[in-house]
Amino acid sequence: MIEPPSVELVMQVILFTFPIFIVAYSLYLVRVIKGPTIVDRVLAVDAFFFDVTVFVMALAAYFRLHILAPTAIIFALWGYALDVYVSKYIERGEMGD
């Protein structure tokens, strides 16, 4: 039978990954600003939303705040809505419904 990892180990892993997320966010920001096409920029924002979702869930685990889980889901839905909206714009060439 496999024992679950200790709480201290999980917290150390979470604290180790926080700087990695910060570096990723800065790289996404560079791609959003310098992206040669709108597709590159949307991909960077999409990856940003996904990473924010994972980061918020890690914060929820670290601080043991269950209220952050729905917040992470909302971030993920915003990213999905952005993808749908931009893909409609690229396909039809107009904003709106």
Protein backbone atom coordinates (compact mmCIF):
# COMPACT_ATOMS: atom_id res chain seq x y z
CA MET A 1 0.00 0.00 0.00
CA ILE A 2 1.34 3.41 -1.00
CA GLU A 3 1.27 6.12 1.65
CA PRO A 4 0.33 9.67 0.66
CA PRO A 5 3.12 12.25 0.72
CA SER A 6 3.59 14.26 3.87
CA VAL A 7 2.16 17.75 4.18
CA GLU A 8 5.65 19.22 4.50
CA LEU A 9 6.71 17.68 1.19
CA VAL A 10 3.65 19.03 -0.58
CA MET A 11 4.27 22.51 0.83
CA GLN A 12 7.92 22.42 -0.26
CA VAL A 13 6.91 21.46 -3.79
CA ILE A 14 4.34 24.26 -3.90
CA LEU A 15 6.88 26.82 -2.64
CA PHE A 16 9.39 25.58 -5.22
CA THR A 17 6.95 26.04 -8.09
CA PHE A 18 5.93 29.64 -7.26
CA PRO A 19 9.09 31.21 -8.81
CA ILE A 20 8.60 29.03 -11.89
CA PHE A 21 5.12 30.47 -12.30
CA ILE A 22 6.47 34.02 -11.96
CA VAL A 23 9.02 33.39 -14.72
CA ALA A 24 6.33 31.87 -16.93
CA TYR A 25 4.07 34.90 -16.37
CA SER A 26 6.83 37.28 -17.41
CA LEU A 27 7.50 35.24 -20.57
CA TYR A 28 3.79 35.28 -21.41
CA LEU A 29 3.75 39.05 -20.97
CA VAL A 30 6.66 39.42 -23.39
CA ARG A 31 4.84 37.26 -25.96
CA VAL A 32 1.63 39.25 -25.55
CA ILE A 33 3.46 42.53 -26.12
CA LYS A 34 5.81 41.37 -28.91
CA GLY A 35 3.64 38.71 -30.53
CA PRO A 36 3.87 39.09 -34.30
CA THR A 37 0.30 37.90 -34.88
CA ILE A 38 -2.96 37.95 -32.99
CA VAL A 39 -2.84 34.16 -32.76
CA ASP A 40 0.48 34.29 -30.90
CA ARG A 41 -0.93 36.82 -28.48
CA VAL A 42 -4.09 34.82 -27.88
CA LEU A 43 -2.05 31.68 -27.29
CA ALA A 44 0.08 33.51 -24.72
CA VAL A 45 -3.01 34.85 -22.93
CA ASP A 46 -4.59 31.40 -23.05
CA ALA A 47 -1.51 29.83 -21.49
CA PHE A 48 -1.51 32.63 -18.92
CA PHE A 49 -5.11 31.87 -17.94
CA PHE A 50 -4.31 28.18 -17.63
CA ASP A 51 -1.27 28.86 -15.46
CA VAL A 52 -3.20 31.31 -13.28
CA THR A 53 -5.80 28.60 -12.77
CA VAL A 54 -3.14 26.12 -11.64
CA PHE A 55 -1.43 28.80 -9.51
CA VAL A 56 -4.67 29.70 -7.72
CA MET A 57 -5.36 26.03 -7.06
CA ALA A 58 -1.83 25.69 -5.63
CA LEU A 59 -2.49 28.72 -3.42
CA ALA A 60 -5.74 27.12 -2.30
CA ALA A 61 -3.82 24.00 -1.30
CA TYR A 62 -1.04 25.96 0.39
CA PHE A 63 -3.29 28.24 2.43
CA ARG A 64 -6.05 25.62 2.75
CA LEU A 65 -8.66 28.05 1.42
CA HIS A 66 -11.43 26.16 -0.33
CA ILE A 67 -13.01 29.37 -1.61
CA LEU A 68 -10.18 29.79 -4.13
CA ALA A 69 -11.24 26.71 -6.12
CA PRO A 70 -14.30 28.39 -7.71
CA THR A 71 -12.11 31.41 -8.46
CA ALA A 72 -9.73 29.19 -10.41
CA ILE A 73 -12.64 27.74 -12.36
CA ILE A 74 -13.77 31.27 -13.26
CA PHE A 75 -10.26 32.06 -14.55
CA ALA A 76 -10.39 28.96 -16.74
CA LEU A 77 -13.81 29.94 -18.10
CA TRP A 78 -12.54 33.44 -18.92
CA GLY A 79 -9.73 31.89 -20.91
CA TYR A 80 -12.20 29.70 -22.78
CA ALA A 81 -14.48 32.68 -23.48
CA LEU A 82 -11.51 34.61 -24.84
CA ASP A 83 -10.66 31.73 -27.20
CA VAL A 84 -14.22 31.55 -28.50
CA TYR A 85 -14.49 35.32 -28.93
CA VAL A 86 -11.17 35.70 -30.75
CA SER A 87 -11.79 32.69 -32.97
CA LYS A 88 -15.14 34.18 -34.00
CA TYR A 89 -13.37 37.46 -34.75
CA ILE A 90 -10.68 35.75 -36.83
CA GLU A 91 -13.24 33.68 -38.74
CA ARG A 92 -15.83 36.39 -39.43
CA GLY A 93 -13.74 39.55 -39.17
CA GLU A 94 -16.27 41.33 -36.96
CA MET A 95 -16.78 41.84 -33.25
CA GLY A 96 -19.96 41.06 -31.42
CA ASP A 97 -22.41 38.16 -31.24
